[in-house]
N, C-alpha and C. Protein backbone atom coordinates (compact mmCIF):
# COMPACT_ATOMS: atom_id res chain seq x y z
N THR A 1 -14.30 -35.25 -4.82
CA THR A 1 -12.87 -35.76 -5.12
C THR A 1 -11.18 -35.63 -4.04
N ASP A 2 -11.57 -34.00 -4.52
CA ASP A 2 -10.34 -34.18 -3.71
C ASP A 2 -10.43 -32.44 -3.05
N VAL A 3 -9.75 -33.39 -1.38
CA VAL A 3 -9.70 -33.06 -0.66
C VAL A 3 -8.96 -30.83 -0.18
N ASN A 4 -8.44 -31.03 -1.59
CA ASN A 4 -7.93 -29.45 -1.27
C ASN A 4 -8.54 -29.13 -2.84
N ARG A 5 -10.06 -29.13 -2.36
CA ARG A 5 -11.03 -27.85 -3.13
C ARG A 5 -10.78 -27.46 -2.14
N ILE A 6 -11.01 -28.33 -0.12
CA ILE A 6 -11.68 -26.69 0.12
C ILE A 6 -10.94 -25.83 0.24
N PHE A 7 -9.69 -25.47 -0.69
CA PHE A 7 -9.15 -24.96 0.38
C PHE A 7 -8.77 -23.76 -1.39
N SER A 8 -9.56 -24.17 -2.39
CA SER A 8 -9.76 -23.38 -3.55
C SER A 8 -10.83 -21.31 -2.89
N THR A 9 -9.54 -20.81 -3.54
CA THR A 9 -10.20 -19.54 -3.27
C THR A 9 -11.61 -18.93 -4.68
N SER A 10 -10.85 -19.67 -5.73
CA SER A 10 -12.47 -19.43 -6.02
C SER A 10 -13.59 -20.29 -6.12
N PHE A 11 -13.63 -21.25 -6.21
CA PHE A 11 -14.93 -22.07 -5.57
C PHE A 11 -15.06 -22.69 -3.85
N THR A 12 -14.11 -22.36 -2.99
CA THR A 12 -15.10 -22.80 -1.74
C THR A 12 -14.26 -21.68 -0.22
N TYR A 13 -13.14 -21.92 -0.12
CA TYR A 13 -12.21 -21.13 1.33
C TYR A 13 -13.19 -19.47 1.41
N ARG A 14 -12.27 -19.05 0.46
CA ARG A 14 -12.90 -17.77 0.54
C ARG A 14 -13.77 -16.68 -0.11
N LYS A 15 -14.21 -17.91 -0.90
CA LYS A 15 -15.49 -18.06 -1.78
C LYS A 15 -16.97 -17.34 -0.76
N GLY A 16 -16.62 -18.37 0.12
CA GLY A 16 -18.21 -17.69 1.09
C GLY A 16 -18.52 -16.50 1.76
N GLY A 17 -17.41 -16.05 2.27
CA GLY A 17 -17.14 -14.12 3.04
C GLY A 17 -17.30 -13.79 2.34
N TRP A 18 -16.44 -14.27 1.10
CA TRP A 18 -16.78 -12.35 -0.39
C TRP A 18 -17.89 -12.74 -0.37
N VAL A 19 -18.44 -13.63 -1.36
CA VAL A 19 -20.24 -13.23 -1.44
C VAL A 19 -21.31 -12.56 -0.35
N LEU A 20 -20.76 -13.14 1.02
CA LEU A 20 -22.20 -12.52 2.00
C LEU A 20 -21.57 -10.20 1.70
N HIS A 21 -20.48 -10.32 1.69
CA HIS A 21 -19.39 -8.97 1.38
C HIS A 21 -19.96 -8.51 0.97
N GLN A 22 -20.07 -9.28 -0.68
CA GLN A 22 -20.71 -8.80 -2.24
C GLN A 22 -22.18 -8.80 -2.18
N LEU A 23 -23.06 -9.55 -0.66
CA LEU A 23 -24.33 -8.93 -1.00
C LEU A 23 -24.35 -8.26 -0.18
N ARG A 24 -23.24 -7.43 1.71
CA ARG A 24 -23.92 -6.26 1.23
C ARG A 24 -23.93 -5.55 0.56
N LYS A 25 -22.85 -5.11 -0.77
CA LYS A 25 -22.34 -4.36 -0.66
C LYS A 25 -24.27 -4.31 -2.24
N LEU A 26 -24.42 -4.82 -2.17
CA LEU A 26 -25.65 -5.12 -3.06
C LEU A 26 -26.32 -4.12 -2.66
N VAL A 27 -27.25 -5.49 -1.66
CA VAL A 27 -28.56 -5.04 -0.25
C VAL A 27 -28.75 -3.64 0.17
N GLY A 28 -27.47 -3.19 0.80
CA GLY A 28 -26.30 -1.86 1.29
C GLY A 28 -26.19 -2.36 2.84
N ASP A 29 -26.40 -0.97 3.43
CA ASP A 29 -25.60 -2.20 4.55
C ASP A 29 -27.32 -1.78 6.19
N ALA A 30 -27.88 -1.05 5.17
CA ALA A 30 -29.30 -1.31 6.94
C ALA A 30 -29.81 -3.10 6.32
N ASN A 31 -29.47 -3.01 5.39
CA ASN A 31 -30.57 -3.77 4.44
C ASN A 31 -29.45 -5.34 4.77
N PHE A 32 -28.59 -5.19 5.29
CA PHE A 32 -27.52 -6.56 4.76
C PHE A 32 -27.57 -6.80 7.28
N PHE A 33 -27.97 -5.67 7.89
CA PHE A 33 -27.79 -6.00 8.39
C PHE A 33 -28.97 -6.47 9.30
N ALA A 34 -30.22 -5.76 8.94
CA ALA A 34 -30.95 -6.50 9.07
C ALA A 34 -31.73 -7.97 8.18
N ILE A 35 -31.04 -8.41 7.26
CA ILE A 35 -30.72 -9.63 7.06
C ILE A 35 -30.75 -10.70 8.01
N LEU A 36 -29.49 -10.47 9.04
CA LEU A 36 -28.44 -10.85 9.53
C LEU A 36 -29.21 -11.35 10.71
N ALA A 37 -29.69 -10.08 11.00
CA ALA A 37 -30.44 -10.04 13.05
C ALA A 37 -32.32 -11.47 11.84
N GLU A 38 -32.93 -10.20 10.67
CA GLU A 38 -33.41 -11.77 10.92
C GLU A 38 -33.47 -12.55 10.58
N TYR A 39 -32.31 -13.24 10.29
CA TYR A 39 -31.52 -15.00 9.72
C TYR A 39 -31.73 -15.65 11.07
N ARG A 40 -31.17 -14.46 11.71
CA ARG A 40 -31.03 -15.90 13.39
C ARG A 40 -32.04 -15.83 13.80
N SER A 41 -32.92 -14.42 13.86
CA SER A 41 -34.40 -14.80 14.59
C SER A 41 -34.77 -16.30 14.45
N ARG A 42 -34.83 -16.43 12.82
CA ARG A 42 -35.83 -17.49 11.82
C ARG A 42 -35.14 -18.99 12.27
N HIS A 43 -33.84 -18.76 12.99
CA HIS A 43 -33.36 -20.27 13.20
C HIS A 43 -32.17 -20.27 13.74
N GLN A 44 -32.22 -19.48 14.58
CA GLN A 44 -31.49 -19.40 16.07
C GLN A 44 -31.56 -21.17 16.41
N TYR A 45 -30.92 -21.89 17.13
CA TYR A 45 -31.04 -23.36 18.09
C TYR A 45 -31.26 -24.20 16.79
N ASP A 46 -31.46 -23.98 15.23
CA ASP A 46 -31.74 -25.36 14.62
C ASP A 46 -31.04 -24.77 13.27
N ALA A 47 -31.12 -25.46 12.51
CA ALA A 47 -30.38 -25.72 11.01
C ALA A 47 -31.28 -25.36 10.19
N ALA A 48 -30.32 -24.44 8.77
CA ALA A 48 -30.69 -24.20 8.04
C ALA A 48 -30.22 -24.06 6.93
N THR A 49 -31.21 -23.84 5.68
CA THR A 49 -30.34 -23.96 4.48
C THR A 49 -29.89 -22.60 3.52
N THR A 50 -29.22 -22.44 3.03
CA THR A 50 -28.68 -21.31 1.26
C THR A 50 -30.28 -21.07 1.60
N GLU A 51 -31.01 -22.46 0.71
CA GLU A 51 -32.52 -21.78 0.14
C GLU A 51 -33.13 -20.49 1.36
N ASP A 52 -33.33 -21.65 2.82
CA ASP A 52 -33.35 -20.39 3.68
C ASP A 52 -32.39 -18.52 3.69
N PHE A 53 -31.78 -18.67 4.30
CA PHE A 53 -30.72 -17.77 4.26
C PHE A 53 -31.09 -16.30 2.81
N GLN A 54 -31.80 -17.06 1.57
CA GLN A 54 -31.86 -16.39 0.31
C GLN A 54 -32.93 -15.58 0.41
N ASP A 55 -34.77 -16.93 1.24
CA ASP A 55 -35.07 -16.45 1.42
C ASP A 55 -35.52 -15.03 2.23
N VAL A 56 -35.37 -15.35 3.66
CA VAL A 56 -34.49 -13.63 4.51
C VAL A 56 -33.85 -13.13 3.89
N CYS A 57 -32.56 -12.98 2.62
CA CYS A 57 -32.39 -12.07 2.06
C CYS A 57 -33.51 -11.75 1.46
N GLU A 58 -34.22 -12.30 0.73
CA GLU A 58 -34.86 -11.82 0.00
C GLU A 58 -36.65 -10.70 -0.18
N ASP A 59 -36.45 -11.64 1.14
CA ASP A 59 -37.79 -11.29 2.63
C ASP A 59 -37.52 -9.60 2.61
N ILE A 60 -36.18 -10.05 2.81
CA ILE A 60 -35.92 -8.26 3.26
C ILE A 60 -35.45 -7.45 2.60
N TYR A 61 -35.18 -8.07 1.33
CA TYR A 61 -34.33 -7.14 0.71
C TYR A 61 -35.56 -6.40 -0.38
N GLY A 62 -36.65 -7.62 -0.26
CA GLY A 62 -37.63 -6.77 -1.20
C GLY A 62 -38.27 -6.84 -2.98
N GLN A 63 -36.72 -8.04 -3.17
CA GLN A 63 -36.25 -8.05 -4.37
C GLN A 63 -35.73 -10.02 -4.59
N ASP A 64 -36.02 -10.22 -5.91
CA ASP A 64 -35.41 -12.11 -6.00
C ASP A 64 -34.16 -11.39 -6.62
N LEU A 65 -33.20 -12.30 -5.42
CA LEU A 65 -31.75 -12.59 -5.90
C LEU A 65 -31.32 -13.99 -5.79
N ASP A 66 -32.32 -14.26 -7.06
CA ASP A 66 -31.67 -15.89 -6.55
C ASP A 66 -30.46 -15.42 -8.17
N TRP A 67 -30.67 -15.17 -9.24
CA TRP A 67 -29.50 -14.73 -10.22
C TRP A 67 -28.61 -14.23 -9.46
N PHE A 68 -27.95 -13.36 -8.58
CA PHE A 68 -27.43 -13.39 -7.77
C PHE A 68 -26.56 -14.80 -7.05
N PHE A 69 -27.86 -15.70 -6.18
CA PHE A 69 -27.26 -16.91 -5.52
C PHE A 69 -26.77 -18.41 -6.65
N THR A 70 -27.75 -17.60 -7.51
CA THR A 70 -27.17 -19.15 -8.75
C THR A 70 -25.89 -18.98 -9.13
N GLN A 71 -25.76 -18.20 -9.51
CA GLN A 71 -23.99 -17.46 -10.26
C GLN A 71 -22.69 -17.86 -9.23
N TRP A 72 -22.91 -17.35 -7.96
CA TRP A 72 -22.20 -16.96 -6.79
C TRP A 72 -22.51 -17.75 -6.15
N ILE A 73 -22.48 -18.63 -5.36
CA ILE A 73 -23.83 -19.60 -5.25
C ILE A 73 -22.72 -21.54 -4.93
N TYR A 74 -23.67 -21.51 -6.38
CA TYR A 74 -23.82 -22.76 -6.50
C TYR A 74 -22.78 -22.81 -8.32
N GLN A 75 -22.35 -21.98 -8.66
CA GLN A 75 -21.65 -22.14 -9.85
C GLN A 75 -19.87 -22.33 -9.31
N PRO A 76 -19.22 -22.36 -10.23
CA PRO A 76 -17.86 -21.77 -10.11
C PRO A 76 -17.38 -20.76 -10.10
N GLY A 77 -15.99 -20.46 -9.82
CA GLY A 77 -14.46 -19.06 -10.20
C GLY A 77 -15.77 -18.29 -9.80
N ALA A 78 -15.35 -16.92 -10.46
CA ALA A 78 -14.81 -16.10 -10.24
C ALA A 78 -14.37 -14.88 -11.51
N ILE A 79 -15.14 -13.83 -11.83
CA ILE A 79 -14.52 -12.75 -12.24
C ILE A 79 -13.49 -12.86 -12.59
N ALA A 80 -12.59 -12.85 -13.61
CA ALA A 80 -11.47 -11.69 -14.07
C ALA A 80 -11.46 -10.57 -15.06
N TYR A 81 -10.48 -9.19 -14.86
CA TYR A 81 -11.44 -8.53 -15.68
C TYR A 81 -10.01 -7.90 -16.03
N SER A 82 -10.41 -7.43 -17.19
CA SER A 82 -9.37 -6.47 -18.64
C SER A 82 -10.81 -5.98 -18.90
N TRP A 83 -9.81 -4.30 -18.08
CA TRP A 83 -10.83 -3.03 -18.43
C TRP A 83 -10.06 -1.69 -19.44
N GLY A 84 -10.60 -0.98 -19.88
CA GLY A 84 -9.81 -0.02 -19.55
C GLY A 84 -10.82 1.59 -20.56
N TRP A 85 -10.15 2.71 -20.22
CA TRP A 85 -11.17 3.53 -20.35
C TRP A 85 -11.50 5.03 -20.89
N GLN A 86 -11.55 6.07 -21.43
CA GLN A 86 -11.15 7.46 -22.06
C GLN A 86 -12.16 8.53 -22.08
N THR A 87 -11.30 9.81 -22.46
CA THR A 87 -12.67 10.63 -22.10
C THR A 87 -13.08 10.97 -23.24
N THR A 88 -13.26 11.81 -23.17
CA THR A 88 -14.12 12.57 -24.47
C THR A 88 -14.87 13.39 -24.29
N THR A 89 -14.84 14.61 -25.84
CA THR A 89 -15.71 14.88 -25.81
C THR A 89 -16.91 15.88 -26.73
N SER A 90 -18.66 15.47 -27.01
CA SER A 90 -18.99 15.98 -27.61
C SER A 90 -20.15 16.62 -27.92
N ASN A 91 -19.81 17.71 -28.54
CA ASN A 91 -21.53 19.05 -28.49
C ASN A 91 -20.87 19.53 -26.72
N GLY A 92 -19.60 19.40 -27.03
CA GLY A 92 -19.88 20.21 -25.83
C GLY A 92 -19.58 20.27 -24.67
N LYS A 93 -19.76 19.05 -24.36
CA LYS A 93 -20.24 17.66 -23.05
C LYS A 93 -19.45 16.66 -23.29
N ASN A 94 -18.60 16.26 -21.40
CA ASN A 94 -17.11 15.22 -20.82
C ASN A 94 -18.44 13.88 -20.87
N TYR A 95 -17.59 13.26 -22.02
CA TYR A 95 -17.98 11.71 -21.45
C TYR A 95 -16.59 11.26 -21.03
N LEU A 96 -17.34 9.79 -19.87
CA LEU A 96 -15.93 8.49 -20.44
C LEU A 96 -16.78 7.82 -20.95
N LEU A 97 -15.86 7.33 -21.86
CA LEU A 97 -15.76 5.60 -22.40
C LEU A 97 -14.98 4.16 -21.79
N VAL A 98 -15.93 3.19 -21.51
CA VAL A 98 -14.52 2.30 -20.53
C VAL A 98 -15.38 1.11 -20.94
N ARG A 99 -14.90 0.34 -21.73
CA ARG A 99 -14.90 -1.71 -22.22
C ARG A 99 -14.42 -2.09 -21.09
N LEU A 100 -15.14 -2.77 -20.85
CA LEU A 100 -15.22 -3.54 -19.34
C LEU A 100 -15.92 -5.43 -20.00
N ALA A 101 -13.94 -6.30 -19.66
CA ALA A 101 -14.30 -7.48 -20.48
C ALA A 101 -14.40 -8.12 -19.47
N GLN A 102 -15.00 -9.98 -19.05
CA GLN A 102 -15.00 -10.61 -18.58
C GLN A 102 -14.04 -11.61 -18.74
N THR A 103 -13.12 -11.88 -18.36
CA THR A 103 -11.70 -12.41 -18.81
C THR A 103 -12.07 -14.36 -18.43
N GLN A 104 -12.40 -14.56 -17.00
CA GLN A 104 -12.23 -15.50 -16.35
C GLN A 104 -12.81 -16.79 -17.57
N SER A 105 -12.77 -18.02 -17.12
CA SER A 105 -12.76 -18.96 -18.15
C SER A 105 -13.77 -18.78 -19.23
N THR A 106 -13.82 -20.28 -19.74
CA THR A 106 -15.28 -20.02 -20.40
C THR A 106 -16.07 -21.09 -19.87
N SER A 107 -15.80 -22.31 -18.79
CA SER A 107 -16.26 -23.23 -18.10
C SER A 107 -16.53 -22.07 -16.87
N TYR A 108 -16.35 -21.23 -16.41
CA TYR A 108 -17.02 -19.87 -15.75
C TYR A 108 -18.63 -18.50 -15.48
N PRO A 109 -19.11 -18.94 -15.48
CA PRO A 109 -20.58 -18.30 -15.58
C PRO A 109 -19.52 -16.44 -16.20
N THR A 110 -20.38 -16.37 -17.15
CA THR A 110 -21.15 -14.65 -17.50
C THR A 110 -21.21 -13.97 -15.83
N PHE A 111 -20.91 -13.11 -15.23
CA PHE A 111 -21.53 -13.08 -14.31
C PHE A 111 -21.81 -11.95 -13.78
N ILE A 112 -23.11 -11.60 -13.17
CA ILE A 112 -23.62 -10.05 -13.31
C ILE A 112 -23.77 -9.22 -12.37
N THR A 113 -23.31 -8.77 -12.32
CA THR A 113 -22.85 -7.47 -11.14
C THR A 113 -22.92 -6.81 -11.84
N PRO A 114 -23.66 -5.15 -10.30
CA PRO A 114 -22.86 -4.19 -10.66
C PRO A 114 -21.36 -4.05 -9.98
N VAL A 115 -21.11 -2.48 -10.65
CA VAL A 115 -19.35 -2.35 -11.01
C VAL A 115 -19.07 -1.22 -10.69
N ASP A 116 -18.76 -0.49 -9.15
CA ASP A 116 -18.52 1.50 -9.71
C ASP A 116 -16.87 1.31 -10.05
N ILE A 117 -18.13 2.52 -10.99
CA ILE A 117 -16.31 3.35 -11.64
C ILE A 117 -16.29 4.45 -10.80
N ARG A 118 -14.81 5.04 -10.86
CA ARG A 118 -14.72 6.00 -10.41
C ARG A 118 -13.63 6.88 -11.33
N PRO A 119 -13.90 7.67 -12.27
CA PRO A 119 -13.52 8.56 -12.81
C PRO A 119 -12.26 10.03 -12.02
N THR A 120 -11.75 10.64 -12.22
CA THR A 120 -10.71 11.63 -11.41
C THR A 120 -11.36 12.58 -12.45
N VAL A 121 -12.68 13.55 -11.65
CA VAL A 121 -11.98 14.98 -12.19
C VAL A 121 -11.62 16.34 -11.59
N GLY A 122 -11.50 16.68 -12.18
CA GLY A 122 -10.54 18.57 -11.91
C GLY A 122 -10.69 17.74 -9.75
N GLY A 123 -9.78 16.62 -10.22
CA GLY A 123 -8.91 16.25 -9.31
C GLY A 123 -9.94 15.24 -7.99
N VAL A 124 -11.62 15.18 -8.24
CA VAL A 124 -12.23 14.46 -7.14
C VAL A 124 -12.30 13.83 -8.30
N LYS A 125 -12.72 12.19 -7.25
CA LYS A 125 -13.22 11.30 -7.56
C LYS A 125 -15.66 11.52 -8.14
N GLN A 126 -15.74 10.82 -9.16
CA GLN A 126 -16.50 10.73 -8.74
C GLN A 126 -17.64 9.86 -9.03
N PRO A 127 -17.60 9.91 -8.01
CA PRO A 127 -18.67 7.51 -8.28
C PRO A 127 -19.57 7.52 -9.34
N LEU A 128 -20.15 7.03 -9.78
CA LEU A 128 -20.63 6.04 -11.23
C LEU A 128 -20.39 4.59 -10.58
N LYS A 129 -21.73 3.87 -11.33
CA LYS A 129 -22.50 2.89 -10.95
C LYS A 129 -22.45 2.50 -12.77
N VAL A 130 -22.43 0.78 -12.45
CA VAL A 130 -22.57 0.33 -14.39
C VAL A 130 -22.75 -0.92 -13.69
N TRP A 131 -23.49 -1.36 -14.28
CA TRP A 131 -24.62 -2.63 -14.82
C TRP A 131 -23.90 -4.12 -15.11
N ASN A 132 -22.85 -4.80 -15.01
CA ASN A 132 -21.46 -5.57 -16.33
C ASN A 132 -22.62 -7.20 -15.95
N ASP A 133 -23.57 -7.21 -17.03
CA ASP A 133 -23.68 -8.09 -17.17
C ASP A 133 -24.11 -8.92 -18.76
N ALA A 134 -22.60 -9.03 -19.01
CA ALA A 134 -21.85 -9.29 -20.24
C ALA A 134 -20.91 -9.65 -20.67
N ARG A 135 -20.28 -10.38 -20.90
CA ARG A 135 -18.77 -10.77 -20.91
C ARG A 135 -17.79 -9.44 -21.50
N THR A 136 -18.21 -8.60 -22.52
CA THR A 136 -17.34 -7.30 -23.79
C THR A 136 -18.83 -6.91 -23.16
N GLN A 137 -18.23 -5.51 -22.79
CA GLN A 137 -19.57 -4.49 -22.82
C GLN A 137 -18.57 -2.90 -22.92
N HIS A 138 -19.75 -2.24 -23.65
CA HIS A 138 -19.21 -0.91 -23.39
C HIS A 138 -19.99 0.45 -22.84
N PHE A 139 -19.69 1.58 -21.82
CA PHE A 139 -20.37 2.28 -21.98
C PHE A 139 -20.08 2.91 -21.77
N VAL A 140 -20.45 4.54 -21.82
CA VAL A 140 -20.45 5.46 -21.92
C VAL A 140 -20.94 7.07 -21.06
N LEU A 141 -20.48 6.92 -20.32
CA LEU A 141 -21.03 7.80 -19.23
C LEU A 141 -20.73 9.09 -18.57
N PRO A 142 -21.91 10.49 -18.68
CA PRO A 142 -21.14 11.54 -19.10
C PRO A 142 -20.71 11.62 -17.45
N LEU A 143 -19.72 13.24 -17.55
CA LEU A 143 -19.58 13.93 -16.47
C LEU A 143 -19.62 15.27 -16.33
N THR A 144 -19.04 15.66 -15.51
CA THR A 144 -18.53 17.07 -15.50
C THR A 144 -17.89 17.84 -16.49
N GLY A 145 -16.30 16.97 -16.46
CA GLY A 145 -15.72 17.11 -16.85
C GLY A 145 -14.70 16.67 -17.60
N PRO A 146 -13.50 16.91 -17.75
CA PRO A 146 -12.55 15.55 -18.62
C PRO A 146 -11.77 15.46 -17.24
N ALA A 147 -12.20 13.23 -17.80
CA ALA A 147 -11.52 12.92 -16.65
C ALA A 147 -10.22 12.38 -17.00
N THR A 148 -9.27 13.03 -15.61
CA THR A 148 -7.71 12.44 -15.40
C THR A 148 -7.38 10.66 -15.01
N ALA A 149 -8.38 10.16 -14.62
CA ALA A 149 -7.84 8.99 -13.44
C ALA A 149 -9.10 7.94 -14.22
N CYS A 150 -8.96 7.19 -13.85
CA CYS A 150 -9.59 5.66 -13.18
C CYS A 150 -10.19 4.92 -12.99
N THR A 151 -10.55 4.60 -12.29
CA THR A 151 -10.17 2.85 -11.15
C THR A 151 -11.96 2.43 -11.34
N ILE A 152 -12.23 1.32 -10.93
CA ILE A 152 -13.01 0.28 -11.20
C ILE A 152 -12.60 -0.38 -10.12
N ASP A 153 -14.18 -0.59 -9.28
CA ASP A 153 -14.03 -1.68 -8.15
C ASP A 153 -12.90 -1.42 -7.00
N GLU A 154 -13.10 0.09 -7.01
CA GLU A 154 -11.73 0.64 -6.24
C GLU A 154 -11.46 0.60 -4.31
N ASP A 155 -13.18 -0.32 -4.04
CA ASP A 155 -12.57 -0.97 -2.44
C ASP A 155 -13.42 -2.62 -2.81
N GLY A 156 -13.11 -2.05 -3.84
CA GLY A 156 -12.62 -4.37 -3.54
C GLY A 156 -14.17 -5.64 -2.95
N TRP A 157 -15.31 -5.10 -3.76
CA TRP A 157 -16.52 -5.04 -3.06
C TRP A 157 -16.77 -6.74 -3.79
N ILE A 158 -16.10 -6.85 -5.13
CA ILE A 158 -16.34 -7.56 -6.73
C ILE A 158 -15.21 -8.92 -5.86
N LEU A 159 -16.08 -10.46 -5.83
CA LEU A 159 -14.42 -11.20 -6.02
C LEU A 159 -14.43 -11.38 -7.09
N THR A 160 -12.52 -11.61 -8.02
CA THR A 160 -11.95 -11.09 -8.51
C THR A 160 -11.32 -12.11 -9.05
N THR A 161 -10.60 -12.66 -9.59
CA THR A 161 -9.16 -13.40 -9.15
C THR A 161 -8.00 -11.50 -10.27
N GLY A 162 -8.85 -11.27 -10.15
CA GLY A 162 -7.47 -10.34 -10.96
C GLY A 162 -7.50 -9.32 -12.01
N VAL A 163 -7.31 -8.26 -11.95
CA VAL A 163 -8.46 -6.78 -12.69
C VAL A 163 -7.03 -5.82 -13.49
N THR A 164 -6.90 -5.93 -14.49
CA THR A 164 -6.00 -5.76 -15.40
C THR A 164 -6.83 -4.82 -16.20
N SER A 165 -5.78 -3.34 -16.72
CA SER A 165 -5.74 -2.62 -17.64
C SER A 165 -5.08 -2.80 -18.70
N ALA A 166 -6.64 -2.15 -20.09
CA ALA A 166 -5.76 -2.48 -21.20
C ALA A 166 -6.18 -0.97 -21.66
N THR A 167 -5.46 -1.04 -22.78
CA THR A 167 -6.01 0.08 -23.75
C THR A 167 -7.34 0.07 -24.67
N TYR A 168 -7.83 1.58 -24.24
CA TYR A 168 -9.54 1.34 -24.24
C TYR A 168 -9.14 0.59 -25.95
N SER A 169 -10.96 0.13 -26.56
CA SER A 169 -11.36 0.00 -27.82
C SER A 169 -12.62 -0.21 -27.11
N PRO A 170 -12.39 0.59 -28.48
CA PRO A 170 -13.92 1.50 -28.92
C PRO A 170 -14.64 0.50 -29.61
N GLY A 171 -16.27 0.26 -28.66
CA GLY A 171 -17.62 -0.15 -28.92
C GLY A 171 -18.14 0.39 -29.56
N PRO A 172 -19.23 -0.34 -30.18
CA PRO A 172 -20.16 0.38 -31.23
C PRO A 172 -20.29 1.33 -30.66
N PRO A 173 -21.32 2.32 -31.96
CA PRO A 173 -21.21 3.68 -31.73
C PRO A 173 -23.00 3.53 -31.17
N LYS A 174 -23.15 5.23 -29.76
CA LYS A 174 -24.18 5.75 -29.36
C LYS A 174 -24.28 6.56 -28.78
N ILE A 175 -25.99 6.69 -29.04
CA ILE A 175 -27.18 8.15 -29.38
C ILE A 175 -26.74 8.84 -28.16
N VAL A 176 -25.86 10.29 -27.40
CA VAL A 176 -25.90 10.25 -26.67
C VAL A 176 -26.90 11.68 -26.38
N GLU A 177 -27.61 12.30 -26.97
CA GLU A 177 -27.58 12.93 -27.82
C GLU A 177 -28.60 13.46 -29.18
N SER A 178 -29.94 14.08 -29.21
CA SER A 178 -30.82 14.37 -30.81
C SER A 178 -31.14 15.88 -30.39
N THR A 179 -30.90 15.92 -31.67
CA THR A 179 -32.25 17.25 -31.91
C THR A 179 -33.23 16.99 -32.22
N ALA A 180 -34.95 17.25 -31.90
CA ALA A 180 -35.80 17.50 -32.82
C ALA A 180 -35.73 18.39 -33.70
N PRO A 181 -37.44 18.54 -34.10
CA PRO A 181 -36.93 19.33 -35.72
C PRO A 181 -37.56 20.96 -35.11
N ASN A 182 -38.33 21.01 -34.02
CA ASN A 182 -38.46 21.72 -33.61
C ASN A 182 -37.63 22.28 -32.84
N GLY A 183 -36.06 21.66 -32.19
CA GLY A 183 -34.28 22.49 -32.09
C GLY A 183 -34.22 22.28 -31.04
N VAL A 184 -35.80 21.28 -30.51
CA VAL A 184 -35.68 20.35 -28.63
C VAL A 184 -34.92 20.34 -28.51
N VAL A 185 -32.90 19.60 -27.75
CA VAL A 185 -32.35 19.26 -27.46
C VAL A 185 -32.56 17.91 -26.64
N HIS A 186 -32.35 16.59 -27.12
CA HIS A 186 -33.20 15.83 -25.67
C HIS A 186 -31.69 14.79 -25.92
N ASN A 187 -31.49 14.47 -24.49
CA ASN A 187 -30.38 13.73 -23.63
C ASN A 187 -31.32 12.28 -23.86
N MET A 188 -30.26 11.46 -24.23
CA MET A 188 -30.87 9.96 -25.02
C MET A 188 -30.44 9.06 -23.49
N GLU A 189 -30.58 8.22 -23.43
CA GLU A 189 -30.94 6.89 -22.07
C GLU A 189 -30.66 6.00 -22.97
N TRP A 190 -29.15 4.99 -22.44
CA TRP A 190 -28.96 3.65 -23.31
C TRP A 190 -28.79 3.01 -22.56
N PRO A 191 -29.21 1.09 -22.70
CA PRO A 191 -28.79 -0.12 -20.89
C PRO A 191 -27.38 0.61 -20.88
N GLY A 192 -27.21 0.25 -19.91
CA GLY A 192 -25.78 0.33 -19.48
C GLY A 192 -25.31 2.05 -18.44
N SER A 193 -26.40 2.33 -18.98
CA SER A 193 -25.40 4.04 -18.38
C SER A 193 -25.34 4.32 -16.72
N ALA A 194 -25.33 5.14 -15.87
CA ALA A 194 -24.58 5.54 -14.68
C ALA A 194 -26.03 4.84 -14.82
N SER A 195 -26.14 5.09 -13.10
CA SER A 195 -27.01 5.00 -12.59
C SER A 195 -27.07 5.09 -10.91
């Protein structure tokens, strides 16, 4: 009902290209270019739908991508992030604490996406990745030393309307290590840890 809607960054105009950009990051370069070649092979000189494209993506990638297409193609909006971080030491080991919050309108979905996080340790950026699937999440990520700086989505893969830095605020406690009665130390795994 609104002709200006076709120029909306968050809904239409730029979103299609950016969704392809995100898909490339998700599936990797080799799969992405194989998807494009297969899509062309199956549908050149013919009409095709978004569902046809999704079928090709899933065939090449080998995983269900309905979650990706549903949120980025069929639902409105994009992510707005507020995030904070701090470095800490526990039992002689270094960790990065990250609070990541999606602050977009509540009329937009909670987006599910992998997020690159790059802390700088000893002058070197360490590439980490977390799986963001909630409006607010806290992550505890092991490091090789204390972080002096940190960025998220430094290469601009995620369609966002903005990323705001905030003071880190702690979340619920997380167990990162325990000692068994026999004295053996066990490193713990937790949802949302670095992959």
